[in-house]
Protein backbone atom coordinates (compact mmCIF):
# COMPACT_ATOMS: atom_id res chain seq x y z
CA MET A 1 34.62 40.22 -83.09
CA GLU A 2 31.63 41.94 -81.51
CA LYS A 3 29.31 39.23 -82.83
CA SER A 4 31.49 36.44 -81.41
CA THR A 5 31.77 38.18 -78.06
CA ALA A 6 28.00 38.63 -77.90
CA SER A 7 27.40 34.99 -78.78
CA ARG A 8 29.79 33.83 -76.08
CA ALA A 9 28.03 36.03 -73.51
CA SER A 10 24.65 34.60 -74.45
CA GLN A 11 26.01 31.07 -74.14
CA ASP A 12 27.37 31.81 -70.65
CA GLU A 13 23.98 33.21 -69.59
CA GLY A 14 22.22 30.09 -70.91
CA GLU A 15 24.54 27.77 -68.99
CA ALA A 16 23.97 29.77 -65.79
CA VAL A 17 20.21 29.44 -66.20
CA GLU A 18 20.47 25.68 -66.75
CA GLN A 19 22.63 25.30 -63.60
CA GLN A 20 20.00 27.16 -61.55
CA LYS A 21 17.32 24.78 -62.85
CA GLU A 22 19.38 21.72 -61.96
CA GLU A 23 20.05 22.89 -58.35
CA PRO A 24 17.44 21.31 -55.94
CA LYS A 25 15.08 23.77 -54.42
CA LEU A 26 14.70 23.56 -50.62
CA SER A 27 11.08 23.41 -49.52
CA SER A 28 9.85 25.32 -46.52
CA ASP A 29 9.73 22.06 -44.55
CA ASP A 30 13.35 21.31 -45.40
CA SER A 31 14.43 24.75 -44.29
CA LYS A 32 12.62 24.29 -40.98
CA LYS A 33 14.34 20.96 -40.46
CA GLU A 34 17.74 22.51 -41.10
CA ALA A 35 17.00 25.39 -38.76
CA SER A 36 15.70 23.21 -35.92
CA PRO A 37 18.23 21.91 -33.35
CA PRO A 38 19.24 18.26 -33.50
CA SER A 39 16.89 15.90 -31.65
CA PRO A 40 18.22 14.17 -28.53
CA SER A 41 19.71 10.77 -28.90
CA PRO A 42 17.13 7.98 -28.49
CA SER A 43 19.66 6.11 -26.37
CA SER A 44 19.51 8.69 -23.54
CA PRO A 45 18.31 7.07 -20.26
CA PRO A 46 14.71 7.79 -19.18
CA PRO A 47 14.10 9.77 -15.98
CA PRO A 48 13.89 7.70 -12.79
CA TYR A 49 10.44 6.47 -11.77
CA SER A 50 10.85 7.84 -8.23
CA ALA A 51 13.03 10.57 -6.76
CA PHE A 52 13.47 8.61 -3.54
CA SER A 53 16.80 6.86 -3.06
CA SER A 54 17.05 3.12 -2.49
CA ARG A 55 17.72 3.63 1.23
CA GLN A 56 14.74 5.97 1.56
CA LYS A 57 12.47 3.53 -0.27
CA LYS A 58 13.42 0.72 2.09
CA GLY A 59 12.81 2.94 5.12
CA ILE A 60 9.38 4.02 3.85
CA VAL A 61 8.33 0.46 3.01
CA SER A 62 9.48 -0.69 6.46
CA LEU A 63 7.31 1.96 8.13
CA VAL A 64 4.13 1.17 6.21
CA ALA A 65 4.72 -2.58 6.53
CA PHE A 66 5.01 -2.10 10.30
CA ALA A 67 1.62 -0.37 10.25
CA GLY A 68 0.10 -3.11 8.09
CA TRP A 69 1.53 -5.74 10.44
CA PHE A 70 -1.04 -4.74 13.08
CA SER A 71 -3.92 -5.69 10.78
CA SER A 72 -2.95 -9.37 10.81
CA LEU A 73 -1.76 -9.27 14.41
CA SER A 74 -5.12 -7.95 15.66
CA SER A 75 -6.84 -11.07 14.30
CA PHE A 76 -4.40 -13.78 15.34
CA ILE A 77 -3.65 -12.40 18.78
CA TYR A 78 -7.41 -12.52 19.42
CA PHE A 79 -8.18 -16.13 18.42
CA PRO A 80 -6.61 -17.98 21.39
CA ALA A 81 -8.47 -15.68 23.81
CA ILE A 82 -11.95 -16.50 22.48
CA PRO A 83 -12.88 -19.33 24.92
CA PHE A 84 -11.44 -17.45 27.91
CA MET A 85 -13.29 -14.24 27.01
CA ALA A 86 -16.53 -16.18 26.67
CA SER A 87 -16.04 -17.67 30.13
CA ASP A 88 -15.12 -14.34 31.72
CA LEU A 89 -17.95 -12.35 30.12
CA GLY A 90 -20.49 -15.12 30.76
CA VAL A 91 -21.57 -15.59 27.15
CA PRO A 92 -21.41 -18.61 24.79
CA THR A 93 -18.37 -19.05 22.59
CA GLU A 94 -20.62 -18.65 19.55
CA LYS A 95 -21.35 -15.08 20.64
CA ILE A 96 -17.68 -14.20 20.86
CA ASN A 97 -17.25 -15.70 17.39
CA LEU A 98 -19.70 -13.06 16.17
CA THR A 99 -17.08 -10.45 17.02
CA VAL A 100 -14.73 -12.24 14.61
CA THR A 101 -17.43 -12.09 11.92
CA ALA A 102 -17.98 -8.39 12.57
CA TYR A 103 -14.24 -7.73 12.40
CA LEU A 104 -13.95 -9.53 9.05
CA ILE A 105 -16.98 -7.75 7.56
CA ALA A 106 -15.54 -4.39 8.59
CA SER A 107 -12.19 -5.46 7.10
CA GLY A 108 -13.93 -5.94 3.77
CA VAL A 109 -15.88 -2.67 3.81
CA PHE A 110 -13.60 0.02 5.23
CA PRO A 111 -10.55 -0.49 2.98
CA SER A 112 -12.71 0.70 0.06
CA PHE A 113 -13.14 4.06 1.81
CA ILE A 114 -9.59 4.25 3.15
CA GLY A 115 -7.87 3.20 -0.06
CA GLU A 116 -9.63 5.80 -2.21
CA ALA A 117 -9.10 8.50 0.43
CA ALA A 118 -5.39 7.67 0.53
CA ASP A 119 -5.17 8.03 -3.25
CA ASN A 120 -6.78 11.47 -3.27
CA VAL A 121 -6.00 13.03 0.13
CA GLY A 122 -2.61 11.34 0.64
CA ARG A 123 -1.15 8.23 2.23
CA ARG A 124 0.36 10.05 5.20
CA PRO A 125 -2.70 11.88 6.69
CA VAL A 126 -5.04 8.93 6.13
CA LEU A 127 -2.64 6.49 7.80
CA ILE A 128 -2.19 8.82 10.78
CA VAL A 129 -5.96 9.18 11.30
CA THR A 130 -6.61 5.43 11.03
CA LEU A 131 -3.78 4.61 13.44
CA LEU A 132 -5.19 7.09 15.97
CA LEU A 133 -8.57 5.35 15.70
CA TYR A 134 -6.88 1.97 16.13
CA VAL A 135 -5.00 3.01 19.29
CA ALA A 136 -8.22 4.39 20.83
CA ALA A 137 -10.09 1.16 20.03
CA ASN A 138 -7.38 -0.96 21.70
CA VAL A 139 -7.60 1.06 24.91
CA GLY A 140 -11.37 0.72 24.89
CA LEU A 141 -11.17 -3.05 24.35
CA ALA A 142 -8.82 -3.41 27.30
CA LEU A 143 -11.24 -1.54 29.57
CA GLN A 144 -14.64 -2.89 28.42
CA SER A 145 -16.56 -5.51 30.41
CA SER A 146 -19.62 -6.30 28.28
CA PHE A 147 -20.30 -8.16 25.06
CA GLY A 148 -21.97 -5.15 23.45
CA LEU A 149 -18.92 -2.94 23.87
CA LEU A 150 -16.64 -5.78 22.77
CA PHE A 151 -18.67 -6.19 19.58
CA PHE A 152 -18.72 -2.46 18.80
CA LEU A 153 -15.07 -1.81 19.59
CA ARG A 154 -13.93 -4.74 17.46
CA ILE A 155 -15.65 -3.04 14.51
CA VAL A 156 -13.91 0.24 15.38
CA GLN A 157 -10.60 -1.58 15.69
CA SER A 158 -11.07 -3.13 12.25
CA ALA A 159 -12.10 0.21 10.75
CA GLY A 160 -8.88 1.74 12.03
CA ILE A 161 -6.38 -0.88 10.93
CA SER A 162 -7.87 -2.86 8.03
CA GLY A 163 -7.07 -0.12 5.51
CA SER A 164 -3.35 -0.28 6.32
CA TYR A 165 -2.99 -3.15 3.82
CA ALA A 166 -4.30 -0.94 1.01
CA ILE A 167 -2.03 1.94 2.04
CA THR A 168 1.01 -0.35 2.29
CA TYR A 169 0.64 -1.75 -1.20
CA GLY A 170 -0.30 1.70 -2.51
CA VAL A 171 3.04 3.03 -1.25
CA VAL A 172 4.82 0.14 -2.98
CA GLY A 173 3.11 1.18 -6.21
CA ASP A 174 4.17 4.81 -5.68
CA LEU A 175 7.84 3.98 -5.24
CA PHE A 176 8.57 1.09 -7.60
CA THR A 177 8.03 0.29 -11.25
CA PRO A 178 5.84 -2.69 -12.17
CA ALA A 179 8.99 -4.70 -12.88
CA GLU A 180 10.29 -4.02 -9.34
CA ARG A 181 7.07 -4.44 -7.39
CA GLY A 182 7.03 -8.22 -7.37
CA GLY A 183 10.18 -8.57 -5.27
CA TYR A 184 9.27 -5.82 -2.83
CA SER A 185 5.67 -7.04 -2.56
CA GLY A 186 7.05 -10.46 -1.62
CA VAL A 187 9.09 -8.96 1.21
CA VAL A 188 6.09 -6.92 2.40
CA SER A 189 3.84 -10.00 2.24
CA PHE A 190 6.38 -11.94 4.28
CA VAL A 191 6.25 -9.29 7.03
CA LEU A 192 2.45 -9.11 6.93
CA ASN A 193 2.18 -12.91 7.22
CA THR A 194 4.35 -13.34 10.33
CA PRO A 195 1.48 -12.62 12.80
CA PRO A 196 -0.26 -15.99 12.12
CA SER A 197 2.61 -17.68 13.96
CA ILE A 198 3.74 -14.87 16.29
CA GLY A 199 0.37 -13.47 17.38
CA PRO A 200 -1.08 -16.60 19.02
CA ILE A 201 2.16 -17.21 20.93
CA ILE A 202 2.16 -13.64 22.26
CA SER A 203 -1.50 -14.07 23.18
CA GLY A 204 -0.85 -17.32 25.04
CA LEU A 205 2.07 -15.88 27.01
CA LEU A 206 0.13 -12.76 28.00
CA MET A 207 -2.97 -14.71 29.05
CA GLN A 208 -0.93 -17.15 31.10
CA ARG A 209 0.42 -14.29 33.21
CA TRP A 210 -2.19 -11.50 33.15
CA GLY A 211 -5.37 -12.72 31.44
CA TRP A 212 -7.05 -11.87 28.13
CA ARG A 213 -7.17 -8.11 28.73
CA ALA A 214 -3.40 -8.04 28.51
CA ILE A 215 -3.52 -8.68 24.75
CA PHE A 216 -5.32 -5.38 24.21
CA TRP A 217 -2.99 -3.54 26.58
CA PHE A 218 -0.11 -5.00 24.59
CA LEU A 219 -1.59 -3.62 21.36
CA SER A 220 -2.26 -0.30 23.11
CA ALA A 221 1.41 -0.11 24.10
CA ILE A 222 3.13 -0.95 20.80
CA SER A 223 0.75 0.65 18.28
CA PRO A 224 1.53 4.21 19.50
CA CYS A 225 5.20 3.49 18.73
CA CYS A 226 4.23 2.91 15.10
CA LEU A 227 2.03 6.02 15.13
CA ILE A 228 4.87 8.22 16.42
CA LEU A 229 7.28 6.90 13.78
CA VAL A 230 4.75 7.58 11.03
CA ILE A 231 4.07 11.12 12.26
CA LEU A 232 7.76 11.97 12.50
CA PHE A 233 9.33 10.23 9.50
CA LEU A 234 6.82 9.02 6.89
CA PRO A 235 6.82 11.32 3.83
CA GLU A 236 3.95 11.66 1.40
CA THR A 237 4.33 9.30 -1.59
CA SER A 238 1.01 9.60 -3.47
CA ARG A 239 1.87 10.43 -7.07
CA GLN A 240 -1.27 12.57 -7.35
CA ILE A 241 0.16 14.88 -4.69
CA VAL A 242 3.98 14.79 -4.88
CA ALA A 243 4.43 13.21 -8.35
CA ASP A 244 7.66 11.20 -8.20
CA GLY A 245 8.53 12.70 -4.81
CA SER A 246 10.24 15.82 -6.13
CA VAL A 247 7.21 18.09 -5.61
CA PRO A 248 6.98 19.53 -2.07
CA ALA A 249 4.00 18.34 -0.03
CA GLN A 250 1.74 20.84 1.68
CA ARG A 251 -0.06 21.09 5.03
CA ALA A 252 -0.94 17.73 6.59
CA ASN A 253 1.02 15.85 3.92
CA ARG A 254 4.30 17.49 4.99
CA VAL A 255 6.63 15.30 7.05
CA LEU A 256 8.07 16.64 10.31
CA ILE A 257 11.58 15.16 10.06
CA PRO A 258 12.69 14.92 6.38
CA LEU A 259 15.04 12.00 6.92
CA LEU A 260 13.32 9.90 4.22
CA LEU A 261 12.59 12.82 1.91
CA PRO A 262 14.43 13.22 -1.43
CA LYS A 263 15.87 16.46 -2.74
CA GLN A 264 12.91 18.43 -4.04
CA LYS A 265 12.76 20.98 -6.83
CA GLU A 266 12.66 24.52 -5.50
CA HIS A 267 10.79 25.97 -8.47
CA SER A 268 8.65 22.98 -9.41
CA SER A 269 4.93 23.48 -9.65
CA THR A 270 3.33 22.33 -6.43
CA LEU A 271 0.45 19.95 -6.93
CA ASP A 272 -2.74 20.49 -4.96
CA SER A 273 -2.29 18.26 -1.91
CA THR A 274 -5.75 18.83 -0.44
CA PRO A 275 -9.10 18.34 -2.12
CA LYS A 276 -11.34 21.29 -2.74
CA GLY A 277 -14.17 21.38 -0.25
CA ILE A 278 -15.17 18.29 1.69
CA TYR A 279 -13.92 15.09 0.16
CA LEU A 280 -16.25 12.09 0.39
CA PRO A 281 -14.74 8.79 -0.81
CA ASN A 282 -16.87 6.57 -3.00
CA PRO A 283 -16.57 2.94 -1.79
CA LEU A 284 -18.48 1.65 -4.84
CA LYS A 285 -15.85 2.90 -7.28
CA PRO A 286 -13.62 -0.23 -6.98
CA LEU A 287 -16.65 -2.40 -7.83
CA LYS A 288 -16.35 -1.23 -11.45
CA LEU A 289 -13.45 -3.67 -11.77
CA LEU A 290 -15.90 -6.55 -11.36
CA ARG A 291 -17.33 -5.81 -14.80
CA LYS A 292 -14.41 -7.76 -16.25
CA PRO A 293 -14.99 -11.55 -16.25
CA ASN A 294 -11.35 -12.32 -15.42
CA THR A 295 -11.52 -10.11 -12.35
CA ILE A 296 -14.73 -11.77 -11.13
CA ILE A 297 -13.16 -15.24 -11.42
CA ILE A 298 -10.03 -14.23 -9.50
CA VAL A 299 -11.90 -12.31 -6.79
CA GLY A 300 -14.45 -15.10 -6.37
CA SER A 301 -11.77 -17.79 -6.07
CA VAL A 302 -9.76 -15.81 -3.53
CA GLY A 303 -12.96 -14.98 -1.62
CA VAL A 304 -13.87 -18.65 -1.21
CA TRP A 305 -10.32 -19.47 -0.11
CA TYR A 306 -10.26 -16.62 2.42
CA THR A 307 -13.64 -17.67 3.86
CA ILE A 308 -12.33 -21.18 4.57
CA TYR A 309 -9.08 -19.72 5.91
CA SER A 310 -10.91 -17.43 8.36
CA CYS A 311 -13.26 -20.16 9.59
CA LEU A 312 -10.35 -22.49 10.35
CA GLN A 313 -8.31 -19.88 12.19
CA ALA A 314 -11.22 -18.57 14.26
CA SER A 315 -12.31 -22.03 15.45
CA LEU A 316 -8.90 -23.69 15.93
CA SER A 317 -8.13 -22.38 19.42
CA SER A 318 -11.66 -23.06 20.72
CA LEU A 319 -11.60 -26.64 19.43
CA PHE A 320 -8.21 -27.39 20.97
CA THR A 321 -9.26 -25.88 24.31
CA GLU A 322 -12.58 -27.76 24.46
CA ILE A 323 -11.41 -31.13 23.12
CA TYR A 324 -7.91 -31.39 24.59
CA HIS A 325 -8.35 -29.02 27.57
CA VAL A 326 -5.10 -27.19 26.84
CA SER A 327 -4.01 -23.77 28.06
CA GLY A 328 -4.04 -20.58 26.02
CA LEU A 329 -0.31 -20.88 25.39
CA VAL A 330 -0.61 -24.40 23.95
CA SER A 331 -3.55 -23.42 21.76
CA GLY A 332 -1.43 -20.52 20.51
CA LEU A 333 1.41 -22.85 19.60
CA THR A 334 -0.88 -24.76 17.23
CA TYR A 335 -0.80 -21.77 14.86
CA ILE A 336 2.97 -21.93 14.31
CA PRO A 337 3.00 -24.35 11.31
CA PHE A 338 0.33 -22.38 9.54
CA GLY A 339 2.03 -19.05 10.17
CA VAL A 340 5.44 -20.26 8.99
CA ALA A 341 3.92 -21.71 5.81
CA CYS A 342 2.07 -18.44 5.11
CA ALA A 343 5.21 -16.33 5.51
CA ILE A 344 7.36 -18.59 3.33
CA SER A 345 4.77 -18.91 0.57
CA ALA A 346 4.13 -15.15 0.54
CA PHE A 347 7.84 -14.39 0.18
CA GLY A 348 8.34 -17.07 -2.46
CA THR A 349 5.35 -15.93 -4.49
CA GLY A 350 6.59 -12.35 -4.55
CA GLN A 351 10.10 -13.30 -5.59
CA SER A 352 8.97 -15.73 -8.28
CA SER A 353 6.56 -13.18 -9.81
CA GLU A 354 9.58 -11.28 -11.19
CA TYR A 355 10.48 -14.24 -13.40
CA ILE A 356 7.03 -15.45 -14.48
């Protein structure tokens, strides 16, 4: 009996050992996986690109598009007045055309400074400073009585307003995803391309009643309205400063009336909204893009087109006045077909880019 009991006990021990061998051993990695919490579902929606609501985005884009509108208006409101300014100042029309050349050259140079400054310092303070410079230049142009001052102040005027295009499209990039930008860029382009038809008509009406100085007084009167709206309502949108809009802006980047401001995180880490020391923009930085052959081809093609475009628009009013002896109002009306075509094509191009 004792022998049989002992043999049975040894058999039970052997079976227990074999069962332990057959059981899979958990590795340290497996134990960590079991201890770790379950990963979130991949189907969870990503965070929104911008904290601004749809209504706030539309209000912000309307403000910056209004500021950019003056860049085109300043050119096309000026063209019908060229022959009358030449007669009043006692200089050849070719000399007044030099002010158009100076304006266009400044429009090509200063946006490089302004665009980079807006990226690093902020859209809001840079736009406010440039609009202040633009308002001062308009007042000076209305009061000047010499070609030298006209030439200089046209450069100042361009320096103040030419960068508004870069800021406008920069704000669109801050607020919308690449998939959304095409449609909104089309709307913005439509607004920015209305001055080719509206500006010459306004110029002709003002000159018919008060003379060419009235066009600069007109700009001096309506541009401060835009400046006041920007100071009061435009929030900072640069993603380097306020991220998606949920980080509070500091100092000059802070808006006065937070009507277009989203709900911001109380305990979020505030990004540095001002550069350390004195910030000096590098206008040569965008030229690095020209190292790509595709970029050179596109920029060169658009540059040739814009050169022809500018030459036609600058000379059209002078030619009509000299050849057909028409008034400033009639010469302004000749720009309507071109302006309407520009606005329609800009809007259509923006809308179609979402589907191409």
